[in-house]
Amino acid sequence: MKHIPMTEETKSKLIESTELGIEHVSKSVDEVRSFIKKVKLMTDFIAESEFNIEDKIFDNIEKLLEYRLLIGLIYLDLASAMRAHLNSKYNYEKLLSIRQIIVTINEGYKQIYNFTKINERGDTVTKYRKKSYWYEDIRVIINESIIELKPEYDSLTKKLDDYFDENFEAIKEQRDLSVHYDRKASKVYDMIVSLDVENTFKKLSPFLAITTEMFRFTEKMASISKVKEKQKNIEMHNKFESIFFDIENKIKKANPNVSPEVMSKLEELTSKIKTDFLDKIKSPNT
């Protein structure tokens, strides 16, 4: 099978667009997965202790980290498929990697932002998009907790909208035939041999740029959220330290007939509970 090759200029642009690097992102997604476990321990601890936490900062952090992990995995899949293409020996190997890129762009975009549809009346249906990560989770976090990043969020949203308008008419059919094949195998064959590698990589390049920008954007979000989480931990620490201080005072003012030995043990026990409790707030992974 022959295929329409990409130009050297496109190869150069793709190398530049993957500057973030497979090795760097792989390391980052490993760290993100570890952070998710730590945040989950904290949220479970809070739920089990029935603390009254008014805001959703820990829940938001977990959602943000899950999103950052998704973006990292999409980037790694695309970059790896591109590497497979560049290192392939046979034409069909190259075409298979191109199909994988098309599928990943389609499914990655769907998870990130999802699609709009035009119904029979010509109206735009947005219900799927409103359930997407970018709209349902990231937008809410920005509006509720990190409003200072709203302009950058809006800029990325426009890039997602523009990318959809410019690229998805051709991608959908190629994706469907690549994933599901067809009872009429000649349709699949004709789609494969007509794949334009240059055009596909031109679609890949801006999508990689968007995912790279999003990865950096989530890093900003995580950094700001970390500062706010630290402040919340300090507030929680101070609040419960005050509670334990009151408990200790009440013990000291307890029934005067209690022996000094019993009183000492009560104070020792309270002090240990206090220390363990406050350490747990500071270090959710212990």
C-alpha atoms as a PDB file:
ATOM      1  CA  MET A   1       0.000   0.000   0.000  1.00  0.00           C
ATOM      2  CA  LYS A   2       1.261   3.441  -0.883  1.00  0.00           C
ATOM      3  CA  HIS A   3       0.569   6.550   1.116  1.00  0.00           C
ATOM      4  CA  ILE A   4       0.966  10.271   0.775  1.00  0.00           C
ATOM      5  CA  PRO A   5       4.051  11.120   2.881  1.00  0.00           C
ATOM      6  CA  MET A   6       4.587  14.146   5.072  1.00  0.00           C
ATOM      7  CA  THR A   7       7.067  16.861   4.200  1.00  0.00           C
ATOM      8  CA  GLU A   8      10.302  17.515   6.061  1.00  0.00           C
ATOM      9  CA  GLU A   9       8.856  20.837   7.217  1.00  0.00           C
ATOM     10  CA  THR A  10       5.964  19.049   8.923  1.00  0.00           C
ATOM     11  CA  LYS A  11       8.372  16.602  10.569  1.00  0.00           C
ATOM     12  CA  SER A  12      10.339  19.541  11.943  1.00  0.00           C
ATOM     13  CA  LYS A  13       7.193  21.192  13.345  1.00  0.00           C
ATOM     14  CA  LEU A  14       6.096  17.955  14.987  1.00  0.00           C
ATOM     15  CA  ILE A  15       9.446  17.546  16.692  1.00  0.00           C
ATOM     16  CA  GLU A  16       9.099  21.102  18.007  1.00  0.00           C
ATOM     17  CA  SER A  17       5.509  20.540  19.169  1.00  0.00           C
ATOM     18  CA  THR A  18       6.594  17.503  21.228  1.00  0.00           C
ATOM     19  CA  GLU A  19       9.239  19.517  23.034  1.00  0.00           C
ATOM     20  CA  LEU A  20       7.619  18.664  26.362  1.00  0.00           C
ATOM     21  CA  GLY A  21       8.905  15.145  25.788  1.00  0.00           C
ATOM     22  CA  ILE A  22       7.647  11.642  26.450  1.00  0.00           C
ATOM     23  CA  GLU A  23      10.134  11.112  29.274  1.00  0.00           C
ATOM     24  CA  HIS A  24       9.126  14.323  31.074  1.00  0.00           C
ATOM     25  CA  VAL A  25       5.377  13.714  30.780  1.00  0.00           C
ATOM     26  CA  SER A  26       5.725  10.063  31.812  1.00  0.00           C
ATOM     27  CA  LYS A  27       7.439  11.187  34.996  1.00  0.00           C
ATOM     28  CA  SER A  28       4.773  13.833  35.586  1.00  0.00           C
ATOM     29  CA  VAL A  29       1.839  11.425  35.214  1.00  0.00           C
ATOM     30  CA  ASP A  30       3.502   9.047  37.696  1.00  0.00           C
ATOM     31  CA  GLU A  31       3.722  11.918  40.195  1.00  0.00           C
ATOM     32  CA  VAL A  32       0.114  12.968  39.533  1.00  0.00           C
ATOM     33  CA  ARG A  33      -1.144   9.436  40.197  1.00  0.00           C
ATOM     34  CA  SER A  34       0.743   9.447  43.501  1.00  0.00           C
ATOM     35  CA  PHE A  35      -0.779  12.822  44.447  1.00  0.00           C
ATOM     36  CA  ILE A  36      -4.282  11.536  43.667  1.00  0.00           C
ATOM     37  CA  LYS A  37      -3.771   8.726  46.198  1.00  0.00           C
ATOM     38  CA  LYS A  38      -2.681  11.231  48.855  1.00  0.00           C
ATOM     39  CA  VAL A  39      -5.623  13.568  48.228  1.00  0.00           C
ATOM     40  CA  LYS A  40      -7.996  10.589  48.328  1.00  0.00           C
ATOM     41  CA  LEU A  41      -6.620   9.647  51.753  1.00  0.00           C
ATOM     42  CA  MET A  42      -7.285  13.194  52.948  1.00  0.00           C
ATOM     43  CA  THR A  43     -10.861  13.313  51.600  1.00  0.00           C
ATOM     44  CA  ASP A  44     -11.601   9.879  53.093  1.00  0.00           C
ATOM     45  CA  PHE A  45     -10.146  11.005  56.425  1.00  0.00           C
ATOM     46  CA  ILE A  46     -12.321  14.123  56.424  1.00  0.00           C
ATOM     47  CA  ALA A  47     -15.442  12.119  55.494  1.00  0.00           C
ATOM     48  CA  GLU A  48     -14.838   9.493  58.176  1.00  0.00           C
ATOM     49  CA  SER A  49     -14.219  12.172  60.808  1.00  0.00           C
ATOM     50  CA  GLU A  50     -17.375  14.066  59.735  1.00  0.00           C
ATOM     51  CA  PHE A  51     -15.612  17.424  59.641  1.00  0.00           C
ATOM     52  CA  ASN A  52     -17.715  20.306  58.413  1.00  0.00           C
ATOM     53  CA  ILE A  53     -15.615  21.627  55.526  1.00  0.00           C
ATOM     54  CA  GLU A  54     -17.656  24.278  53.734  1.00  0.00           C
ATOM     55  CA  ASP A  55     -15.678  24.566  50.515  1.00  0.00           C
ATOM     56  CA  LYS A  56     -14.785  21.837  48.016  1.00  0.00           C
ATOM     57  CA  ILE A  57     -11.063  22.448  47.821  1.00  0.00           C
ATOM     58  CA  PHE A  58      -9.968  18.829  48.348  1.00  0.00           C
ATOM     59  CA  ASP A  59     -12.630  17.496  45.977  1.00  0.00           C
ATOM     60  CA  ASN A  60     -11.587  20.088  43.380  1.00  0.00           C
ATOM     61  CA  ILE A  61      -7.937  19.146  43.733  1.00  0.00           C
ATOM     62  CA  GLU A  62      -8.749  15.486  43.075  1.00  0.00           C
ATOM     63  CA  LYS A  63     -10.768  16.391  39.956  1.00  0.00           C
ATOM     64  CA  LEU A  64      -7.987  18.659  38.737  1.00  0.00           C
ATOM     65  CA  LEU A  65      -5.367  15.960  39.185  1.00  0.00           C
ATOM     66  CA  GLU A  66      -7.525  13.397  37.363  1.00  0.00           C
ATOM     67  CA  TYR A  67      -7.853  15.859  34.481  1.00  0.00           C
ATOM     68  CA  ARG A  68      -4.117  16.537  34.436  1.00  0.00           C
ATOM     69  CA  LEU A  69      -3.521  12.785  34.316  1.00  0.00           C
ATOM     70  CA  LEU A  70      -5.895  12.466  31.348  1.00  0.00           C
ATOM     71  CA  ILE A  71      -4.148  15.241  29.415  1.00  0.00           C
ATOM     72  CA  GLY A  72      -0.778  13.602  30.094  1.00  0.00           C
ATOM     73  CA  LEU A  73      -1.978  10.207  28.846  1.00  0.00           C
ATOM     74  CA  ILE A  74      -3.462  11.704  25.660  1.00  0.00           C
ATOM     75  CA  TYR A  75      -0.214  13.528  24.977  1.00  0.00           C
ATOM     76  CA  LEU A  76       1.830  10.365  25.547  1.00  0.00           C
ATOM     77  CA  ASP A  77      -0.424   8.308  23.246  1.00  0.00           C
ATOM     78  CA  LEU A  78      -0.147  10.871  20.445  1.00  0.00           C
ATOM     79  CA  ALA A  79       3.591  11.386  20.805  1.00  0.00           C
ATOM     80  CA  SER A  80       4.184   7.624  20.911  1.00  0.00           C
ATOM     81  CA  ALA A  81       2.058   7.028  17.802  1.00  0.00           C
ATOM     82  CA  MET A  82       3.992   9.761  16.014  1.00  0.00           C
ATOM     83  CA  ARG A  83       7.290   8.118  17.045  1.00  0.00           C
ATOM     84  CA  ALA A  84       6.011   4.769  15.801  1.00  0.00           C
ATOM     85  CA  HIS A  85       5.192   6.353  12.447  1.00  0.00           C
ATOM     86  CA  LEU A  86       8.608   7.948  12.051  1.00  0.00           C
ATOM     87  CA  ASN A  87      10.361   4.664  12.936  1.00  0.00           C
ATOM     88  CA  SER A  88       8.163   2.343  10.846  1.00  0.00           C
ATOM     89  CA  LYS A  89       9.693   0.307   8.023  1.00  0.00           C
ATOM     90  CA  TYR A  90       6.620  -0.706   6.025  1.00  0.00           C
ATOM     91  CA  ASN A  91       3.951   1.525   4.561  1.00  0.00           C
ATOM     92  CA  TYR A  92       1.127  -0.283   6.358  1.00  0.00           C
ATOM     93  CA  GLU A  93       2.867   0.210   9.699  1.00  0.00           C
ATOM     94  CA  LYS A  94       2.986   3.929   8.965  1.00  0.00           C
ATOM     95  CA  LEU A  95      -0.696   3.951   8.017  1.00  0.00           C
ATOM     96  CA  LEU A  96      -1.675   2.039  11.164  1.00  0.00           C
ATOM     97  CA  SER A  97       0.054   4.635  13.341  1.00  0.00           C
ATOM     98  CA  ILE A  98      -1.747   7.388  11.424  1.00  0.00           C
ATOM     99  CA  ARG A  99      -5.077   5.701  12.161  1.00  0.00           C
ATOM    100  CA  GLN A 100      -4.103   5.465  15.841  1.00  0.00           C
ATOM    101  CA  ILE A 101      -3.390   9.196  15.852  1.00  0.00           C
ATOM    102  CA  ILE A 102      -6.803   9.906  14.317  1.00  0.00           C
ATOM    103  CA  VAL A 103      -8.556   7.709  16.886  1.00  0.00           C
ATOM    104  CA  THR A 104      -6.651   9.287  19.792  1.00  0.00           C
ATOM    105  CA  ILE A 105      -7.418  12.833  18.627  1.00  0.00           C
ATOM    106  CA  ASN A 106     -11.108  11.975  18.333  1.00  0.00           C
ATOM    107  CA  GLU A 107     -11.401  10.127  21.653  1.00  0.00           C
ATOM    108  CA  GLY A 108      -9.104  12.536  23.479  1.00  0.00           C
ATOM    109  CA  TYR A 109     -11.078  15.558  22.335  1.00  0.00           C
ATOM    110  CA  LYS A 110     -14.295  13.771  23.268  1.00  0.00           C
ATOM    111  CA  GLN A 111     -13.083  13.200  26.837  1.00  0.00           C
ATOM    112  CA  ILE A 112     -11.668  16.703  27.198  1.00  0.00           C
ATOM    113  CA  TYR A 113     -14.464  18.795  25.710  1.00  0.00           C
ATOM    114  CA  ASN A 114     -16.870  16.487  23.839  1.00  0.00           C
ATOM    115  CA  PHE A 115     -18.811  17.403  20.719  1.00  0.00           C
ATOM    116  CA  THR A 116     -21.786  19.505  19.772  1.00  0.00           C
ATOM    117  CA  LYS A 117     -24.399  18.235  17.337  1.00  0.00           C
ATOM    118  CA  ILE A 118     -26.883  19.833  14.998  1.00  0.00           C
ATOM    119  CA  ASN A 119     -30.404  18.410  15.332  1.00  0.00           C
ATOM    120  CA  GLU A 120     -33.024  18.081  12.622  1.00  0.00           C
ATOM    121  CA  ARG A 121     -34.239  21.632  13.289  1.00  0.00           C
ATOM    122  CA  GLY A 122     -30.772  23.041  12.790  1.00  0.00           C
ATOM    123  CA  ASP A 123     -30.248  23.808  16.494  1.00  0.00           C
ATOM    124  CA  THR A 124     -26.890  23.201  18.167  1.00  0.00           C
ATOM    125  CA  VAL A 125     -27.135  20.520  20.868  1.00  0.00           C
ATOM    126  CA  THR A 126     -24.577  21.096  23.651  1.00  0.00           C
ATOM    127  CA  LYS A 127     -25.718  18.613  26.334  1.00  0.00           C
ATOM    128  CA  TYR A 128     -22.712  16.321  25.816  1.00  0.00           C
ATOM    129  CA  ARG A 129     -20.239  19.171  25.945  1.00  0.00           C
ATOM    130  CA  LYS A 130     -21.764  20.441  29.187  1.00  0.00           C
ATOM    131  CA  LYS A 131     -20.935  17.086  30.781  1.00  0.00           C
ATOM    132  CA  SER A 132     -17.310  17.207  29.646  1.00  0.00           C
ATOM    133  CA  TYR A 133     -14.259  17.487  31.910  1.00  0.00           C
ATOM    134  CA  TRP A 134     -13.438  20.952  30.611  1.00  0.00           C
ATOM    135  CA  TYR A 135     -16.951  22.322  31.162  1.00  0.00           C
ATOM    136  CA  GLU A 136     -18.299  20.394  34.146  1.00  0.00           C
ATOM    137  CA  ASP A 137     -15.128  20.127  36.248  1.00  0.00           C
ATOM    138  CA  ILE A 138     -12.403  22.549  35.183  1.00  0.00           C
ATOM    139  CA  ARG A 139     -14.759  25.470  34.509  1.00  0.00           C
ATOM    140  CA  VAL A 140     -16.367  25.013  37.935  1.00  0.00           C
ATOM    141  CA  ILE A 141     -12.991  24.875  39.692  1.00  0.00           C
ATOM    142  CA  ILE A 142     -11.883  28.048  37.910  1.00  0.00           C
ATOM    143  CA  ASN A 143     -15.090  29.913  38.750  1.00  0.00           C
ATOM    144  CA  GLU A 144     -15.224  28.745  42.371  1.00  0.00           C
ATOM    145  CA  SER A 145     -11.593  28.650  43.418  1.00  0.00           C
ATOM    146  CA  ILE A 146      -9.118  30.049  40.861  1.00  0.00           C
ATOM    147  CA  ILE A 147     -10.918  32.920  39.176  1.00  0.00           C
ATOM    148  CA  GLU A 148      -7.567  34.595  38.431  1.00  0.00           C
ATOM    149  CA  LEU A 149      -7.014  31.997  35.675  1.00  0.00           C
ATOM    150  CA  LYS A 150     -10.381  32.651  33.956  1.00  0.00           C
ATOM    151  CA  PRO A 151      -8.859  34.602  31.000  1.00  0.00           C
ATOM    152  CA  GLU A 152      -6.479  31.728  30.242  1.00  0.00           C
ATOM    153  CA  TYR A 153      -9.327  29.219  30.572  1.00  0.00           C
ATOM    154  CA  ASP A 154     -11.408  31.234  28.086  1.00  0.00           C
ATOM    155  CA  SER A 155      -8.481  31.390  25.657  1.00  0.00           C
ATOM    156  CA  LEU A 156      -8.055  27.605  25.741  1.00  0.00           C
ATOM    157  CA  THR A 157     -11.811  27.138  25.303  1.00  0.00           C
ATOM    158  CA  LYS A 158     -11.699  29.210  22.110  1.00  0.00           C
ATOM    159  CA  LYS A 159      -8.824  27.100  20.806  1.00  0.00           C
ATOM    160  CA  LEU A 160     -10.855  23.941  21.479  1.00  0.00           C
ATOM    161  CA  ASP A 161     -13.852  25.426  19.665  1.00  0.00           C
ATOM    162  CA  ASP A 162     -11.743  26.497  16.698  1.00  0.00           C
ATOM    163  CA  TYR A 163     -10.052  23.114  16.473  1.00  0.00           C
ATOM    164  CA  PHE A 164     -13.403  21.335  16.336  1.00  0.00           C
ATOM    165  CA  ASP A 165     -14.731  23.644  13.611  1.00  0.00           C
ATOM    166  CA  GLU A 166     -11.651  23.220  11.447  1.00  0.00           C
ATOM    167  CA  ASN A 167     -10.815  19.519  11.774  1.00  0.00           C
ATOM    168  CA  PHE A 168     -13.563  17.118  12.788  1.00  0.00           C
ATOM    169  CA  GLU A 169     -15.620  16.688   9.654  1.00  0.00           C
ATOM    170  CA  ALA A 170     -12.994  14.392   8.091  1.00  0.00           C
ATOM    171  CA  ILE A 171     -11.727  12.855  11.329  1.00  0.00           C
ATOM    172  CA  LYS A 172     -15.035  11.277  12.352  1.00  0.00           C
ATOM    173  CA  GLU A 173     -15.411   8.911   9.382  1.00  0.00           C
ATOM    174  CA  GLN A 174     -11.733   7.905   9.519  1.00  0.00           C
ATOM    175  CA  ARG A 175     -12.078   7.214  13.241  1.00  0.00           C
ATOM    176  CA  ASP A 176     -15.255   5.151  12.845  1.00  0.00           C
ATOM    177  CA  LEU A 177     -13.786   2.937  10.128  1.00  0.00           C
ATOM    178  CA  SER A 178     -10.510   2.556  12.040  1.00  0.00           C
ATOM    179  CA  VAL A 179     -12.263   1.448  15.238  1.00  0.00           C
ATOM    180  CA  HIS A 180     -15.272  -0.491  13.979  1.00  0.00           C
ATOM    181  CA  TYR A 181     -14.232  -1.520  10.444  1.00  0.00           C
ATOM    182  CA  ASP A 182     -17.225  -2.204   8.165  1.00  0.00           C
ATOM    183  CA  ARG A 183     -19.069  -5.149   6.634  1.00  0.00           C
ATOM    184  CA  LYS A 184     -18.000  -3.673   3.323  1.00  0.00           C
ATOM    185  CA  ALA A 185     -14.245  -4.070   3.790  1.00  0.00           C
ATOM    186  CA  SER A 186     -13.500  -2.131   0.625  1.00  0.00           C
ATOM    187  CA  LYS A 187     -14.669   1.032   2.457  1.00  0.00           C
ATOM    188  CA  VAL A 188     -12.021   0.478   5.105  1.00  0.00           C
ATOM    189  CA  TYR A 189      -9.362  -0.274   2.505  1.00  0.00           C
ATOM    190  CA  ASP A 190     -10.200   2.814   0.465  1.00  0.00           C
ATOM    191  CA  MET A 191     -10.109   4.978   3.582  1.00  0.00           C
ATOM    192  CA  ILE A 192      -6.683   3.604   4.543  1.00  0.00           C
ATOM    193  CA  VAL A 193      -5.023   4.084   1.153  1.00  0.00           C
ATOM    194  CA  SER A 194      -6.477   7.577   0.840  1.00  0.00           C
ATOM    195  CA  LEU A 195      -5.041   8.722   4.179  1.00  0.00           C
ATOM    196  CA  ASP A 196      -3.065  11.905   3.720  1.00  0.00           C
ATOM    197  CA  VAL A 197      -0.179  11.707   6.186  1.00  0.00           C
ATOM    198  CA  GLU A 198       0.763  15.347   5.695  1.00  0.00           C
ATOM    199  CA  ASN A 199      -2.802  16.494   6.360  1.00  0.00           C
ATOM    200  CA  THR A 200      -3.194  14.208   9.395  1.00  0.00           C
ATOM    201  CA  PHE A 201      -0.023  15.519  10.979  1.00  0.00           C
ATOM    202  CA  LYS A 202      -1.180  19.053  10.307  1.00  0.00           C
ATOM    203  CA  LYS A 203      -4.278  18.169  12.356  1.00  0.00           C
ATOM    204  CA  LEU A 204      -2.107  16.554  15.031  1.00  0.00           C
ATOM    205  CA  SER A 205       0.248  19.496  15.474  1.00  0.00           C
ATOM    206  CA  PRO A 206      -2.307  22.049  16.783  1.00  0.00           C
ATOM    207  CA  PHE A 207      -3.975  19.401  18.962  1.00  0.00           C
ATOM    208  CA  LEU A 208      -0.625  18.518  20.522  1.00  0.00           C
ATOM    209  CA  ALA A 209      -0.068  22.227  21.074  1.00  0.00           C
ATOM    210  CA  ILE A 210      -3.430  22.490  22.856  1.00  0.00           C
ATOM    211  CA  THR A 211      -2.757  19.464  25.073  1.00  0.00           C
ATOM    212  CA  THR A 212       0.724  20.797  25.907  1.00  0.00           C
ATOM    213  CA  GLU A 213      -0.755  24.178  26.843  1.00  0.00           C
ATOM    214  CA  MET A 214      -3.443  22.452  28.886  1.00  0.00           C
ATOM    215  CA  PHE A 215      -0.839  20.378  30.711  1.00  0.00           C
ATOM    216  CA  ARG A 216       0.981  23.566  31.667  1.00  0.00           C
ATOM    217  CA  PHE A 217      -2.326  25.222  32.553  1.00  0.00           C
ATOM    218  CA  THR A 218      -3.250  22.407  34.932  1.00  0.00           C
ATOM    219  CA  GLU A 219       0.194  22.775  36.487  1.00  0.00           C
ATOM    220  CA  LYS A 220      -0.653  26.425  37.224  1.00  0.00           C
ATOM    221  CA  MET A 221      -4.018  25.380  38.629  1.00  0.00           C
ATOM    222  CA  ALA A 222      -2.395  22.713  40.800  1.00  0.00           C
ATOM    223  CA  SER A 223       0.219  25.170  42.060  1.00  0.00           C
ATOM    224  CA  ILE A 224      -2.393  27.737  43.102  1.00  0.00           C
ATOM    225  CA  SER A 225      -4.630  25.026  44.575  1.00  0.00           C
ATOM    226  CA  LYS A 226      -1.688  23.663  46.557  1.00  0.00           C
ATOM    227  CA  VAL A 227      -1.172  27.064  48.172  1.00  0.00           C
ATOM    228  CA  LYS A 228      -4.873  27.258  49.028  1.00  0.00           C
ATOM    229  CA  GLU A 229      -4.866  23.664  50.304  1.00  0.00           C
ATOM    230  CA  LYS A 230      -1.918  24.527  52.553  1.00  0.00           C
ATOM    231  CA  GLN A 231      -3.810  27.531  53.899  1.00  0.00           C
ATOM    232  CA  LYS A 232      -6.875  25.359  54.496  1.00  0.00           C
ATOM    233  CA  ASN A 233      -4.722  22.832  56.367  1.00  0.00           C
ATOM    234  CA  ILE A 234      -3.354  25.628  58.541  1.00  0.00           C
ATOM    235  CA  GLU A 235      -6.901  26.822  59.277  1.00  0.00           C
ATOM    236  CA  MET A 236      -8.007  23.282  60.121  1.00  0.00           C
ATOM    237  CA  HIS A 237      -4.941  22.762  62.292  1.00  0.00           C
ATOM    238  CA  ASN A 238      -5.574  25.976  64.223  1.00  0.00           C
ATOM    239  CA  LYS A 239      -9.272  25.205  64.612  1.00  0.00           C
ATOM    240  CA  PHE A 240      -8.752  21.721  66.047  1.00  0.00           C
ATOM    241  CA  GLU A 241      -5.792  22.771  68.147  1.00  0.00           C
ATOM    242  CA  SER A 242      -8.163  25.243  69.798  1.00  0.00           C
ATOM    243  CA  ILE A 243     -10.740  22.478  70.328  1.00  0.00           C
ATOM    244  CA  PHE A 244      -8.183  20.241  72.004  1.00  0.00           C
ATOM    245  CA  PHE A 245      -6.976  23.140  74.124  1.00  0.00           C
ATOM    246  CA  ASP A 246     -10.538  23.498  75.440  1.00  0.00           C
ATOM    247  CA  ILE A 247     -10.731  19.764  76.116  1.00  0.00           C
ATOM    248  CA  GLU A 248      -7.484  19.852  78.053  1.00  0.00           C
ATOM    249  CA  ASN A 249      -8.758  22.779  80.152  1.00  0.00           C
ATOM    250  CA  LYS A 250     -11.997  20.927  80.919  1.00  0.00           C
ATOM    251  CA  ILE A 251     -10.031  17.879  82.034  1.00  0.00           C
ATOM    252  CA  LYS A 252      -7.948  20.042  84.348  1.00  0.00           C
ATOM    253  CA  LYS A 253     -11.146  21.547  85.822  1.00  0.00           C
ATOM    254  CA  ALA A 254     -12.808  18.144  86.214  1.00  0.00           C
ATOM    255  CA  ASN A 255     -14.024  16.589  89.476  1.00  0.00           C
ATOM    256  CA  PRO A 256     -11.412  17.474  92.137  1.00  0.00           C
ATOM    257  CA  ASN A 257     -11.847  13.998  93.680  1.00  0.00           C
ATOM    258  CA  VAL A 258     -10.151  12.405  90.649  1.00  0.00           C
ATOM    259  CA  SER A 259      -6.718  11.135  91.693  1.00  0.00           C
ATOM    260  CA  PRO A 260      -3.614  12.841  90.261  1.00  0.00           C
ATOM    261  CA  GLU A 261      -2.590   9.546  88.628  1.00  0.00           C
ATOM    262  CA  VAL A 262      -5.893   9.208  86.723  1.00  0.00           C
ATOM    263  CA  MET A 263      -5.802  12.894  85.787  1.00  0.00           C
ATOM    264  CA  SER A 264      -2.261  12.508  84.479  1.00  0.00           C
ATOM    265  CA  LYS A 265      -3.269   9.540  82.323  1.00  0.00           C
ATOM    266  CA  LEU A 266      -6.248  11.445  80.922  1.00  0.00           C
ATOM    267  CA  GLU A 267      -4.035  14.398  80.046  1.00  0.00           C
ATOM    268  CA  GLU A 268      -1.437  12.091  78.478  1.00  0.00           C
ATOM    269  CA  LEU A 269      -4.089  10.320  76.402  1.00  0.00           C
ATOM    270  CA  THR A 270      -5.615  13.612  75.257  1.00  0.00           C
ATOM    271  CA  SER A 271      -2.190  14.947  74.320  1.00  0.00           C
ATOM    272  CA  LYS A 272      -1.439  11.842  72.221  1.00  0.00           C
ATOM    273  CA  ILE A 273      -4.793  11.991  70.439  1.00  0.00           C
ATOM    274  CA  LYS A 274      -4.215  15.679  69.746  1.00  0.00           C
ATOM    275  CA  THR A 275      -0.730  15.062  68.329  1.00  0.00           C
ATOM    276  CA  ASP A 276      -1.851  12.157  66.116  1.00  0.00           C
ATOM    277  CA  PHE A 277      -4.905  14.058  64.934  1.00  0.00           C
ATOM    278  CA  LEU A 278      -3.066  17.245  63.997  1.00  0.00           C
ATOM    279  CA  ASP A 279      -0.265  15.308  62.336  1.00  0.00           C
ATOM    280  CA  LYS A 280      -2.893  13.584  60.200  1.00  0.00           C
ATOM    281  CA  ILE A 281      -4.154  16.954  58.990  1.00  0.00           C
ATOM    282  CA  LYS A 282      -0.620  18.017  58.087  1.00  0.00           C
ATOM    283  CA  SER A 283       0.310  14.764  56.318  1.00  0.00           C
ATOM    284  CA  PRO A 284      -2.601  12.982  54.596  1.00  0.00           C
ATOM    285  CA  ASN A 285      -0.308  10.232  53.326  1.00  0.00           C
ATOM    286  CA  THR A 286       0.740   9.006  56.779  1.00  0.00           C
END
